[in-house]
Structures are given as C-alpha cells and as structure tokens.
PDB file of N, CA and C in Angstrom:
ATOM      1  N   VAL A   1     -13.707  67.297  44.608  1.00  0.00           N
ATOM      2  CA  VAL A   1     -13.900  65.969  44.988  1.00  0.00           C
ATOM      3  C   VAL A   1     -13.302  65.220  43.586  1.00  0.00           C
ATOM      4  N   GLN A   2     -13.052  64.265  44.137  1.00  0.00           N
ATOM      5  CA  GLN A   2     -11.970  63.294  42.982  1.00  0.00           C
ATOM      6  C   GLN A   2     -12.115  61.918  43.658  1.00  0.00           C
ATOM      7  N   LEU A   3     -12.969  61.215  42.207  1.00  0.00           N
ATOM      8  CA  LEU A   3     -12.851  59.980  42.852  1.00  0.00           C
ATOM      9  C   LEU A   3     -12.122  58.900  41.786  1.00  0.00           C
ATOM     10  N   VAL A   4     -11.236  57.979  41.614  1.00  0.00           N
ATOM     11  CA  VAL A   4     -10.065  57.605  40.575  1.00  0.00           C
ATOM     12  C   VAL A   4     -10.184  55.995  41.039  1.00  0.00           C
ATOM     13  N   GLU A   5     -10.983  55.126  39.862  1.00  0.00           N
ATOM     14  CA  GLU A   5     -10.677  53.940  39.945  1.00  0.00           C
ATOM     15  C   GLU A   5      -9.439  53.380  39.211  1.00  0.00           C
ATOM     16  N   SER A   6      -9.577  52.077  39.457  1.00  0.00           N
ATOM     17  CA  SER A   6      -8.121  51.730  38.862  1.00  0.00           C
ATOM     18  C   SER A   6      -8.312  49.743  39.093  1.00  0.00           C
ATOM     19  N   GLY A   7      -7.403  49.048  38.045  1.00  0.00           N
ATOM     20  CA  GLY A   7      -7.633  47.768  38.289  1.00  0.00           C
ATOM     21  C   GLY A   7      -8.206  46.955  37.220  1.00  0.00           C
ATOM     22  N   GLY A   8      -9.187  47.724  36.526  1.00  0.00           N
ATOM     23  CA  GLY A   8      -9.959  47.021  35.444  1.00  0.00           C
ATOM     24  C   GLY A   8      -9.137  46.445  34.381  1.00  0.00           C
ATOM     25  N   GLY A   9      -9.385  45.705  33.728  1.00  0.00           N
ATOM     26  CA  GLY A   9      -8.592  44.822  32.670  1.00  0.00           C
ATOM     27  C   GLY A   9      -9.458  43.440  31.788  1.00  0.00           C
ATOM     28  N   LEU A  10      -8.345  43.064  30.951  1.00  0.00           N
ATOM     29  CA  LEU A  10      -9.180  41.847  30.446  1.00  0.00           C
ATOM     30  C   LEU A  10      -8.845  40.429  31.478  1.00  0.00           C
ATOM     31  N   VAL A  11      -9.743  39.345  31.450  1.00  0.00           N
ATOM     32  CA  VAL A  11      -9.491  38.342  32.250  1.00  0.00           C
ATOM     33  C   VAL A  11     -10.686  37.367  31.781  1.00  0.00           C
ATOM     34  N   GLN A  12      -9.821  35.987  32.185  1.00  0.00           N
ATOM     35  CA  GLN A  12     -10.677  34.829  31.668  1.00  0.00           C
ATOM     36  C   GLN A  12     -11.866  34.723  32.641  1.00  0.00           C
ATOM     37  N   PRO A  13     -12.975  34.074  31.661  1.00  0.00           N
ATOM     38  CA  PRO A  13     -14.119  33.268  32.518  1.00  0.00           C
ATOM     39  C   PRO A  13     -13.411  32.704  33.851  1.00  0.00           C
ATOM     40  N   GLY A  14     -14.039  32.830  35.045  1.00  0.00           N
ATOM     41  CA  GLY A  14     -13.674  32.005  36.509  1.00  0.00           C
ATOM     42  C   GLY A  14     -12.012  32.873  37.062  1.00  0.00           C
ATOM     43  N   GLY A  15     -12.089  34.177  36.369  1.00  0.00           N
ATOM     44  CA  GLY A  15     -10.784  34.565  36.615  1.00  0.00           C
ATOM     45  C   GLY A  15     -10.669  35.974  37.755  1.00  0.00           C
ATOM     46  N   SER A  16      -9.876  36.247  38.603  1.00  0.00           N
ATOM     47  CA  SER A  16     -10.484  37.457  39.549  1.00  0.00           C
ATOM     48  C   SER A  16      -9.528  38.547  38.955  1.00  0.00           C
ATOM     49  N   LEU A  17     -10.218  39.537  39.993  1.00  0.00           N
ATOM     50  CA  LEU A  17      -9.845  40.888  39.746  1.00  0.00           C
ATOM     51  C   LEU A  17     -10.293  41.787  40.344  1.00  0.00           C
ATOM     52  N   ARG A  18      -8.804  42.800  41.403  1.00  0.00           N
ATOM     53  CA  ARG A  18      -9.572  43.825  42.339  1.00  0.00           C
ATOM     54  C   ARG A  18      -9.233  44.914  41.943  1.00  0.00           C
ATOM     55  N   LEU A  19     -10.977  45.393  42.026  1.00  0.00           N
ATOM     56  CA  LEU A  19     -10.574  47.401  41.826  1.00  0.00           C
ATOM     57  C   LEU A  19     -10.180  48.183  42.602  1.00  0.00           C
ATOM     58  N   SER A  20      -9.634  49.364  42.123  1.00  0.00           N
ATOM     59  CA  SER A  20      -9.885  50.297  43.710  1.00  0.00           C
ATOM     60  C   SER A  20     -10.450  51.418  42.977  1.00  0.00           C
ATOM     61  N   CYS A  21     -10.749  52.448  43.973  1.00  0.00           N
ATOM     62  CA  CYS A  21     -11.292  53.488  43.921  1.00  0.00           C
ATOM     63  C   CYS A  21     -10.268  54.531  45.317  1.00  0.00           C
ATOM     64  N   GLU A  22      -9.865  55.524  44.714  1.00  0.00           N
ATOM     65  CA  GLU A  22      -9.146  56.319  45.538  1.00  0.00           C
ATOM     66  C   GLU A  22      -9.553  57.704  45.855  1.00  0.00           C
ATOM     67  N   ALA A  23     -10.385  58.321  47.109  1.00  0.00           N
ATOM     68  CA  ALA A  23     -11.239  59.044  46.875  1.00  0.00           C
ATOM     69  C   ALA A  23     -10.491  60.410  47.280  1.00  0.00           C
ATOM     70  N   SER A  24     -10.816  61.700  47.040  1.00  0.00           N
ATOM     71  CA  SER A  24     -10.128  62.600  47.440  1.00  0.00           C
ATOM     72  C   SER A  24     -11.143  63.750  47.514  1.00  0.00           C
ATOM     73  N   GLY A  25     -10.853  65.368  48.725  1.00  0.00           N
ATOM     74  CA  GLY A  25     -11.440  65.896  48.639  1.00  0.00           C
ATOM     75  C   GLY A  25     -13.304  66.048  49.342  1.00  0.00           C
ATOM     76  N   PHE A  26     -13.037  64.859  50.351  1.00  0.00           N
ATOM     77  CA  PHE A  26     -14.244  64.996  51.160  1.00  0.00           C
ATOM     78  C   PHE A  26     -13.960  63.866  52.408  1.00  0.00           C
ATOM     79  N   THR A  27     -14.642  63.902  53.591  1.00  0.00           N
ATOM     80  CA  THR A  27     -14.333  63.221  54.599  1.00  0.00           C
ATOM     81  C   THR A  27     -14.595  61.459  54.015  1.00  0.00           C
ATOM     82  N   PHE A  28     -13.969  61.052  53.515  1.00  0.00           N
ATOM     83  CA  PHE A  28     -13.881  59.180  53.131  1.00  0.00           C
ATOM     84  C   PHE A  28     -14.832  58.689  54.183  1.00  0.00           C
ATOM     85  N   SER A  29     -14.133  58.549  55.122  1.00  0.00           N
ATOM     86  CA  SER A  29     -15.195  58.126  56.440  1.00  0.00           C
ATOM     87  C   SER A  29     -16.413  57.979  56.708  1.00  0.00           C
ATOM     88  N   ARG A  30     -16.948  59.163  56.344  1.00  0.00           N
ATOM     89  CA  ARG A  30     -18.461  59.433  56.810  1.00  0.00           C
ATOM     90  C   ARG A  30     -19.572  59.086  55.759  1.00  0.00           C
ATOM     91  N   TYR A  31     -18.946  58.907  54.679  1.00  0.00           N
ATOM     92  CA  TYR A  31     -19.878  58.859  53.669  1.00  0.00           C
ATOM     93  C   TYR A  31     -19.890  57.136  53.067  1.00  0.00           C
ATOM     94  N   ASN A  32     -21.179  56.678  52.795  1.00  0.00           N
ATOM     95  CA  ASN A  32     -21.121  55.593  52.106  1.00  0.00           C
ATOM     96  C   ASN A  32     -20.756  55.352  50.595  1.00  0.00           C
ATOM     97  N   MET A  33     -19.986  54.461  50.165  1.00  0.00           N
ATOM     98  CA  MET A  33     -19.415  54.154  49.365  1.00  0.00           C
ATOM     99  C   MET A  33     -19.708  53.141  48.484  1.00  0.00           C
ATOM    100  N   ARG A  34     -19.924  53.192  46.923  1.00  0.00           N
ATOM    101  CA  ARG A  34     -20.837  52.601  46.095  1.00  0.00           C
ATOM    102  C   ARG A  34     -19.911  51.843  44.892  1.00  0.00           C
ATOM    103  N   TRP A  35     -20.057  50.899  44.468  1.00  0.00           N
ATOM    104  CA  TRP A  35     -19.675  50.447  42.780  1.00  0.00           C
ATOM    105  C   TRP A  35     -20.918  50.033  42.268  1.00  0.00           C
ATOM    106  N   TYR A  36     -20.757  51.003  40.522  1.00  0.00           N
ATOM    107  CA  TYR A  36     -21.941  50.547  40.162  1.00  0.00           C
ATOM    108  C   TYR A  36     -21.178  50.068  38.734  1.00  0.00           C
ATOM    109  N   ARG A  37     -22.091  49.513  37.608  1.00  0.00           N
ATOM    110  CA  ARG A  37     -21.006  49.146  36.876  1.00  0.00           C
ATOM    111  C   ARG A  37     -21.981  49.279  34.930  1.00  0.00           C
ATOM    112  N   GLN A  38     -21.564  49.534  33.861  1.00  0.00           N
ATOM    113  CA  GLN A  38     -22.640  49.856  33.027  1.00  0.00           C
ATOM    114  C   GLN A  38     -21.765  49.433  31.667  1.00  0.00           C
ATOM    115  N   ALA A  39     -23.123  47.753  31.636  1.00  0.00           N
ATOM    116  CA  ALA A  39     -22.442  46.751  30.360  1.00  0.00           C
ATOM    117  C   ALA A  39     -22.829  47.756  28.726  1.00  0.00           C
ATOM    118  N   PRO A  40     -22.147  47.202  27.992  1.00  0.00           N
ATOM    119  CA  PRO A  40     -22.666  47.685  26.542  1.00  0.00           C
ATOM    120  C   PRO A  40     -24.089  47.654  26.154  1.00  0.00           C
ATOM    121  N   GLY A  41     -24.720  48.692  26.269  1.00  0.00           N
ATOM    122  CA  GLY A  41     -25.938  48.997  25.849  1.00  0.00           C
ATOM    123  C   GLY A  41     -26.912  48.394  26.349  1.00  0.00           C
ATOM    124  N   LYS A  42     -26.310  48.921  27.819  1.00  0.00           N
ATOM    125  CA  LYS A  42     -27.409  48.855  29.101  1.00  0.00           C
ATOM    126  C   LYS A  42     -27.176  49.975  30.066  1.00  0.00           C
ATOM    127  N   GLU A  43     -28.165  49.971  30.599  1.00  0.00           N
ATOM    128  CA  GLU A  43     -28.581  50.881  32.030  1.00  0.00           C
ATOM    129  C   GLU A  43     -27.483  50.825  32.897  1.00  0.00           C
ATOM    130  N   ARG A  44     -26.972  51.599  33.688  1.00  0.00           N
ATOM    131  CA  ARG A  44     -26.100  51.628  34.828  1.00  0.00           C
ATOM    132  C   ARG A  44     -26.634  51.420  35.935  1.00  0.00           C
ATOM    133  N   GLU A  45     -26.077  50.154  36.579  1.00  0.00           N
ATOM    134  CA  GLU A  45     -26.191  49.139  37.558  1.00  0.00           C
ATOM    135  C   GLU A  45     -25.486  49.388  39.103  1.00  0.00           C
ATOM    136  N   TRP A  46     -26.436  49.324  39.959  1.00  0.00           N
ATOM    137  CA  TRP A  46     -25.765  49.306  41.267  1.00  0.00           C
ATOM    138  C   TRP A  46     -25.140  47.375  41.535  1.00  0.00           C
ATOM    139  N   VAL A  47     -23.790  47.669  41.937  1.00  0.00           N
ATOM    140  CA  VAL A  47     -23.502  46.782  42.488  1.00  0.00           C
ATOM    141  C   VAL A  47     -23.335  46.384  43.552  1.00  0.00           C
ATOM    142  N   ALA A  48     -22.871  47.262  44.874  1.00  0.00           N
ATOM    143  CA  ALA A  48     -22.334  46.670  45.956  1.00  0.00           C
ATOM    144  C   ALA A  48     -21.915  48.259  46.963  1.00  0.00           C
ATOM    145  N   THR A  49     -22.365  48.431  48.040  1.00  0.00           N
ATOM    146  CA  THR A  49     -22.399  49.293  48.465  1.00  0.00           C
ATOM    147  C   THR A  49     -21.358  48.818  50.173  1.00  0.00           C
ATOM    148  N   ALA A  50     -20.740  49.716  50.566  1.00  0.00           N
ATOM    149  CA  ALA A  50     -19.671  49.350  51.444  1.00  0.00           C
ATOM    150  C   ALA A  50     -20.494  50.869  52.435  1.00  0.00           C
ATOM    151  N   PHE A  51     -21.014  50.626  53.606  1.00  0.00           N
ATOM    152  CA  PHE A  51     -21.883  51.718  54.395  1.00  0.00           C
ATOM    153  C   PHE A  51     -20.297  52.650  55.345  1.00  0.00           C
ATOM    154  N   SER A  52     -20.796  53.253  56.003  1.00  0.00           N
ATOM    155  CA  SER A  52     -19.761  54.313  56.535  1.00  0.00           C
ATOM    156  C   SER A  52     -19.889  53.313  58.599  1.00  0.00           C
ATOM    157  N   ALA A  53     -20.997  52.795  58.029  1.00  0.00           N
ATOM    158  CA  ALA A  53     -20.944  52.067  59.516  1.00  0.00           C
ATOM    159  C   ALA A  53     -20.101  50.900  59.471  1.00  0.00           C
ATOM    160  N   GLY A  54     -19.671  50.224  58.272  1.00  0.00           N
ATOM    161  CA  GLY A  54     -18.933  49.056  58.432  1.00  0.00           C
ATOM    162  C   GLY A  54     -19.607  47.805  57.470  1.00  0.00           C
ATOM    163  N   ASN A  55     -20.957  47.962  57.852  1.00  0.00           N
ATOM    164  CA  ASN A  55     -21.609  46.922  56.686  1.00  0.00           C
ATOM    165  C   ASN A  55     -21.313  46.956  54.990  1.00  0.00           C
ATOM    166  N   THR A  56     -21.998  46.009  54.976  1.00  0.00           N
ATOM    167  CA  THR A  56     -22.074  46.038  53.080  1.00  0.00           C
ATOM    168  C   THR A  56     -23.226  45.529  52.566  1.00  0.00           C
ATOM    169  N   ASN A  57     -23.598  45.437  51.363  1.00  0.00           N
ATOM    170  CA  ASN A  57     -24.749  45.312  50.550  1.00  0.00           C
ATOM    171  C   ASN A  57     -24.124  44.818  49.044  1.00  0.00           C
ATOM    172  N   TYR A  58     -25.023  44.163  48.462  1.00  0.00           N
ATOM    173  CA  TYR A  58     -24.662  43.431  47.488  1.00  0.00           C
ATOM    174  C   TYR A  58     -25.836  43.172  46.524  1.00  0.00           C
ATOM    175  N   ALA A  59     -25.674  43.459  44.969  1.00  0.00           N
ATOM    176  CA  ALA A  59     -26.692  43.095  44.176  1.00  0.00           C
ATOM    177  C   ALA A  59     -27.053  41.419  43.999  1.00  0.00           C
ATOM    178  N   ASP A  60     -28.228  40.474  43.779  1.00  0.00           N
ATOM    179  CA  ASP A  60     -28.333  39.460  44.020  1.00  0.00           C
ATOM    180  C   ASP A  60     -26.766  39.013  42.565  1.00  0.00           C
ATOM    181  N   SER A  61     -26.993  39.663  41.621  1.00  0.00           N
ATOM    182  CA  SER A  61     -26.370  39.003  40.290  1.00  0.00           C
ATOM    183  C   SER A  61     -24.637  38.693  40.875  1.00  0.00           C
ATOM    184  N   VAL A  62     -24.334  39.671  42.006  1.00  0.00           N
ATOM    185  CA  VAL A  62     -22.648  39.011  42.690  1.00  0.00           C
ATOM    186  C   VAL A  62     -22.533  38.465  43.592  1.00  0.00           C
ATOM    187  N   LYS A  63     -23.807  38.844  44.235  1.00  0.00           N
ATOM    188  CA  LYS A  63     -23.661  37.946  45.772  1.00  0.00           C
ATOM    189  C   LYS A  63     -22.947  36.733  45.645  1.00  0.00           C
ATOM    190  N   GLY A  64     -21.858  36.733  46.730  1.00  0.00           N
ATOM    191  CA  GLY A  64     -21.186  35.281  46.975  1.00  0.00           C
ATOM    192  C   GLY A  64     -19.963  35.046  45.979  1.00  0.00           C
ATOM    193  N   ARG A  65     -19.700  36.666  45.022  1.00  0.00           N
ATOM    194  CA  ARG A  65     -18.691  36.007  44.053  1.00  0.00           C
ATOM    195  C   ARG A  65     -17.517  37.368  44.249  1.00  0.00           C
ATOM    196  N   PHE A  66     -18.508  38.550  44.509  1.00  0.00           N
ATOM    197  CA  PHE A  66     -17.760  39.943  45.060  1.00  0.00           C
ATOM    198  C   PHE A  66     -17.875  40.194  46.271  1.00  0.00           C
ATOM    199  N   THR A  67     -16.716  40.883  46.520  1.00  0.00           N
ATOM    200  CA  THR A  67     -16.590  41.561  47.984  1.00  0.00           C
ATOM    201  C   THR A  67     -16.027  42.693  48.072  1.00  0.00           C
ATOM    202  N   ILE A  68     -16.667  43.622  48.878  1.00  0.00           N
ATOM    203  CA  ILE A  68     -16.223  45.085  48.617  1.00  0.00           C
ATOM    204  C   ILE A  68     -15.750  45.655  50.381  1.00  0.00           C
ATOM    205  N   SER A  69     -15.353  46.342  49.980  1.00  0.00           N
ATOM    206  CA  SER A  69     -14.536  46.692  51.487  1.00  0.00           C
ATOM    207  C   SER A  69     -13.761  48.176  51.410  1.00  0.00           C
ATOM    208  N   ARG A  70     -13.142  48.719  52.690  1.00  0.00           N
ATOM    209  CA  ARG A  70     -12.898  49.916  52.689  1.00  0.00           C
ATOM    210  C   ARG A  70     -11.579  50.366  53.699  1.00  0.00           C
ATOM    211  N   ASP A  71     -10.748  51.164  52.997  1.00  0.00           N
ATOM    212  CA  ASP A  71     -10.014  51.358  53.830  1.00  0.00           C
ATOM    213  C   ASP A  71     -10.097  53.206  54.103  1.00  0.00           C
ATOM    214  N   ASN A  72     -10.262  53.508  55.501  1.00  0.00           N
ATOM    215  CA  ASN A  72     -10.757  54.879  55.854  1.00  0.00           C
ATOM    216  C   ASN A  72      -9.432  55.239  55.915  1.00  0.00           C
ATOM    217  N   VAL A  73      -8.470  54.673  56.263  1.00  0.00           N
ATOM    218  CA  VAL A  73      -7.089  55.433  56.523  1.00  0.00           C
ATOM    219  C   VAL A  73      -6.537  55.644  55.050  1.00  0.00           C
ATOM    220  N   LYS A  74      -6.322  55.082  53.924  1.00  0.00           N
ATOM    221  CA  LYS A  74      -6.011  55.198  52.731  1.00  0.00           C
ATOM    222  C   LYS A  74      -7.209  55.478  51.746  1.00  0.00           C
ATOM    223  N   ASN A  75      -8.841  56.111  52.449  1.00  0.00           N
ATOM    224  CA  ASN A  75      -9.446  56.953  51.425  1.00  0.00           C
ATOM    225  C   ASN A  75      -9.832  56.002  50.098  1.00  0.00           C
ATOM    226  N   THR A  76     -10.115  54.791  50.374  1.00  0.00           N
ATOM    227  CA  THR A  76     -10.002  53.616  49.246  1.00  0.00           C
ATOM    228  C   THR A  76     -10.939  52.607  49.452  1.00  0.00           C
ATOM    229  N   VAL A  77     -12.006  52.712  48.514  1.00  0.00           N
ATOM    230  CA  VAL A  77     -12.445  51.517  48.288  1.00  0.00           C
ATOM    231  C   VAL A  77     -12.242  50.484  47.366  1.00  0.00           C
ATOM    232  N   TYR A  78     -12.656  49.565  47.601  1.00  0.00           N
ATOM    233  CA  TYR A  78     -11.912  48.291  46.811  1.00  0.00           C
ATOM    234  C   TYR A  78     -13.072  47.257  46.175  1.00  0.00           C
ATOM    235  N   LEU A  79     -13.224  46.525  45.051  1.00  0.00           N
ATOM    236  CA  LEU A  79     -13.840  45.455  44.709  1.00  0.00           C
ATOM    237  C   LEU A  79     -13.167  44.156  44.278  1.00  0.00           C
ATOM    238  N   GLN A  80     -13.483  43.377  45.242  1.00  0.00           N
ATOM    239  CA  GLN A  80     -12.603  41.969  45.176  1.00  0.00           C
ATOM    240  C   GLN A  80     -13.906  41.469  43.719  1.00  0.00           C
ATOM    241  N   MET A  81     -13.427  40.884  43.006  1.00  0.00           N
ATOM    242  CA  MET A  81     -14.006  40.068  42.320  1.00  0.00           C
ATOM    243  C   MET A  81     -13.344  38.758  42.061  1.00  0.00           C
ATOM    244  N   ASN A  82     -14.323  37.882  42.261  1.00  0.00           N
ATOM    245  CA  ASN A  82     -14.192  36.111  41.749  1.00  0.00           C
ATOM    246  C   ASN A  82     -14.810  35.615  41.159  1.00  0.00           C
ATOM    247  N   SER A  83     -14.509  34.362  40.651  1.00  0.00           N
ATOM    248  CA  SER A  83     -15.713  33.700  39.526  1.00  0.00           C
ATOM    249  C   SER A  83     -15.881  34.650  38.553  1.00  0.00           C
ATOM    250  N   LEU A  84     -15.290  35.281  37.840  1.00  0.00           N
ATOM    251  CA  LEU A  84     -15.763  35.944  36.662  1.00  0.00           C
ATOM    252  C   LEU A  84     -16.702  35.466  35.737  1.00  0.00           C
ATOM    253  N   LYS A  85     -17.627  36.286  35.486  1.00  0.00           N
ATOM    254  CA  LYS A  85     -18.143  35.821  34.016  1.00  0.00           C
ATOM    255  C   LYS A  85     -18.641  36.748  32.837  1.00  0.00           C
ATOM    256  N   ALA A  86     -18.772  36.307  31.501  1.00  0.00           N
ATOM    257  CA  ALA A  86     -19.353  36.999  30.509  1.00  0.00           C
ATOM    258  C   ALA A  86     -19.904  38.196  30.768  1.00  0.00           C
ATOM    259  N   GLU A  87     -21.166  38.027  31.493  1.00  0.00           N
ATOM    260  CA  GLU A  87     -21.410  38.969  31.526  1.00  0.00           C
ATOM    261  C   GLU A  87     -21.327  39.955  33.007  1.00  0.00           C
ATOM    262  N   ASP A  88     -20.242  39.611  33.368  1.00  0.00           N
ATOM    263  CA  ASP A  88     -19.820  40.446  34.162  1.00  0.00           C
ATOM    264  C   ASP A  88     -18.853  41.911  33.435  1.00  0.00           C
ATOM    265  N   THR A  89     -18.569  41.630  32.381  1.00  0.00           N
ATOM    266  CA  THR A  89     -17.766  42.910  31.179  1.00  0.00           C
ATOM    267  C   THR A  89     -18.776  43.862  31.197  1.00  0.00           C
ATOM    268  N   ALA A  90     -18.542  45.011  31.606  1.00  0.00           N
ATOM    269  CA  ALA A  90     -18.701  46.491  31.802  1.00  0.00           C
ATOM    270  C   ALA A  90     -17.781  47.309  32.295  1.00  0.00           C
ATOM    271  N   VAL A  91     -18.083  48.633  32.075  1.00  0.00           N
ATOM    272  CA  VAL A  91     -17.218  49.564  32.619  1.00  0.00           C
ATOM    273  C   VAL A  91     -17.882  49.967  34.357  1.00  0.00           C
ATOM    274  N   TYR A  92     -17.142  49.969  35.190  1.00  0.00           N
ATOM    275  CA  TYR A  92     -17.273  49.644  36.935  1.00  0.00           C
ATOM    276  C   TYR A  92     -16.996  51.426  36.962  1.00  0.00           C
ATOM    277  N   TYR A  93     -17.721  51.824  37.980  1.00  0.00           N
ATOM    278  CA  TYR A  93     -17.850  53.089  38.026  1.00  0.00           C
ATOM    279  C   TYR A  93     -17.785  52.953  40.284  1.00  0.00           C
ATOM    280  N   CYS A  94     -16.938  54.134  40.814  1.00  0.00           N
ATOM    281  CA  CYS A  94     -17.054  54.412  42.427  1.00  0.00           C
ATOM    282  C   CYS A  94     -18.234  55.280  42.540  1.00  0.00           C
ATOM    283  N   ASN A  95     -18.607  55.354  43.507  1.00  0.00           N
ATOM    284  CA  ASN A  95     -19.418  56.538  43.956  1.00  0.00           C
ATOM    285  C   ASN A  95     -19.691  56.382  45.257  1.00  0.00           C
ATOM    286  N   GLY A  96     -19.273  58.019  44.997  1.00  0.00           N
ATOM    287  CA  GLY A  96     -19.642  58.362  46.433  1.00  0.00           C
ATOM    288  C   GLY A  96     -19.770  60.156  46.697  1.00  0.00           C
ATOM    289  N   MET A  97     -20.538  60.426  48.119  1.00  0.00           N
ATOM    290  CA  MET A  97     -21.047  61.800  47.951  1.00  0.00           C
ATOM    291  C   MET A  97     -21.628  61.804  46.845  1.00  0.00           C
ATOM    292  N   ASN A  98     -22.274  61.298  45.905  1.00  0.00           N
ATOM    293  CA  ASN A  98     -23.192  61.248  44.919  1.00  0.00           C
ATOM    294  C   ASN A  98     -21.919  62.174  43.885  1.00  0.00           C
ATOM    295  N   PHE A  99     -20.720  61.787  43.811  1.00  0.00           N
ATOM    296  CA  PHE A  99     -19.771  61.935  42.728  1.00  0.00           C
ATOM    297  C   PHE A  99     -19.454  60.986  42.147  1.00  0.00           C
ATOM    298  N   TRP A 100     -19.079  60.892  40.941  1.00  0.00           N
ATOM    299  CA  TRP A 100     -18.703  59.381  40.017  1.00  0.00           C
ATOM    300  C   TRP A 100     -17.143  59.922  39.779  1.00  0.00           C
ATOM    301  N   GLY A 101     -16.713  58.423  39.995  1.00  0.00           N
ATOM    302  CA  GLY A 101     -15.382  58.182  38.841  1.00  0.00           C
ATOM    303  C   GLY A 101     -15.649  58.119  37.221  1.00  0.00           C
ATOM    304  N   LYS A 102     -14.228  58.200  36.948  1.00  0.00           N
ATOM    305  CA  LYS A 102     -14.493  57.797  35.296  1.00  0.00           C
ATOM    306  C   LYS A 102     -14.979  56.732  34.941  1.00  0.00           C
ATOM    307  N   GLY A 103     -14.178  55.681  35.556  1.00  0.00           N
ATOM    308  CA  GLY A 103     -14.979  53.888  35.402  1.00  0.00           C
ATOM    309  C   GLY A 103     -13.719  53.783  35.038  1.00  0.00           C
ATOM    310  N   THR A 104     -13.436  51.974  35.252  1.00  0.00           N
ATOM    311  CA  THR A 104     -12.147  51.321  34.771  1.00  0.00           C
ATOM    312  C   THR A 104     -13.242  50.499  34.018  1.00  0.00           C
ATOM    313  N   LEU A 105     -12.680  49.710  32.791  1.00  0.00           N
ATOM    314  CA  LEU A 105     -13.056  48.479  31.762  1.00  0.00           C
ATOM    315  C   LEU A 105     -12.741  47.324  32.263  1.00  0.00           C
ATOM    316  N   VAL A 106     -13.579  46.524  32.554  1.00  0.00           N
ATOM    317  CA  VAL A 106     -13.375  44.684  33.204  1.00  0.00           C
ATOM    318  C   VAL A 106     -14.262  44.142  31.769  1.00  0.00           C
ATOM    319  N   THR A 107     -13.458  43.774  31.342  1.00  0.00           N
ATOM    320  CA  THR A 107     -13.351  42.535  30.069  1.00  0.00           C
ATOM    321  C   THR A 107     -13.275  41.115  30.804  1.00  0.00           C
ATOM    322  N   VAL A 108     -14.497  40.138  30.432  1.00  0.00           N
ATOM    323  CA  VAL A 108     -14.073  38.971  30.785  1.00  0.00           C
ATOM    324  C   VAL A 108     -14.368  38.365  29.581  1.00  0.00           C
ATOM    325  N   SER A 109     -13.687  37.688  28.843  1.00  0.00           N
ATOM    326  CA  SER A 109     -13.673  36.940  27.787  1.00  0.00           C
ATOM    327  C   SER A 109     -12.424  35.974  27.594  1.00  0.00           C
ATOM    328  N   SER A 110     -12.826  34.942  26.630  1.00  0.00           N
ATOM    329  CA  SER A 110     -11.806  33.788  26.474  1.00  0.00           C
ATOM    330  C   SER A 110     -11.161  33.832  25.146  1.00  0.00           C
TER     331      SER A 110
END
C-alpha cells in the first residue's frame, strides 16, 4: 500500500491550494479516505473524510472552506482548500485502509 500526497506549499491568507493523494496497492474505491493535519507542536487532527459510498464529512474548523473529493478511476483523493488561514498551517496527511502517506506541508503566511 502506498499513499503519496502532493500540492502543498506557501500561500497567503485568503488563498487556495489543492492537495492530492494518489493511492496504490489496494482497491481504492472500497475504502473511506481521510485527510488529517498536524500543526507544529500539536496533535494530529482529522480534517475530512470521503466515504466509499460517496458522502463526505468535515471537521468544524474547515467546514465551508475545504472540499474533499475522490476519483475512483485515478485512485486519488483531493482536498480543495479555500479561504486559508494562518491556523491552517500544518503537514497534511492522507489516510486510507489505516495506512498513512508521508505528508505535504502547507504554510499560510503573508
């Protein structure tokens, strides 16, 4: 099983980024896929879930600003992040089938 995140970077407050997580080694469409994040000095926290059934769920802190989606043909889960805030700065991790990617760093700063 391999999960590879990409799309992180430096963005100004109010800006947008789109993260991607390409999965391999398991039947992607059958599993719920999740994004988590870990800010400096803090615990890792759940951000959003894209269920195998097609529905989604979000942490209150990102609801209305972030959108999770999945492409079961490309075996990829996305996280569209809009209206970014400094407190969104973190390493973002993809999780599926209880496996983790290595993460991608998002820095929100002017």
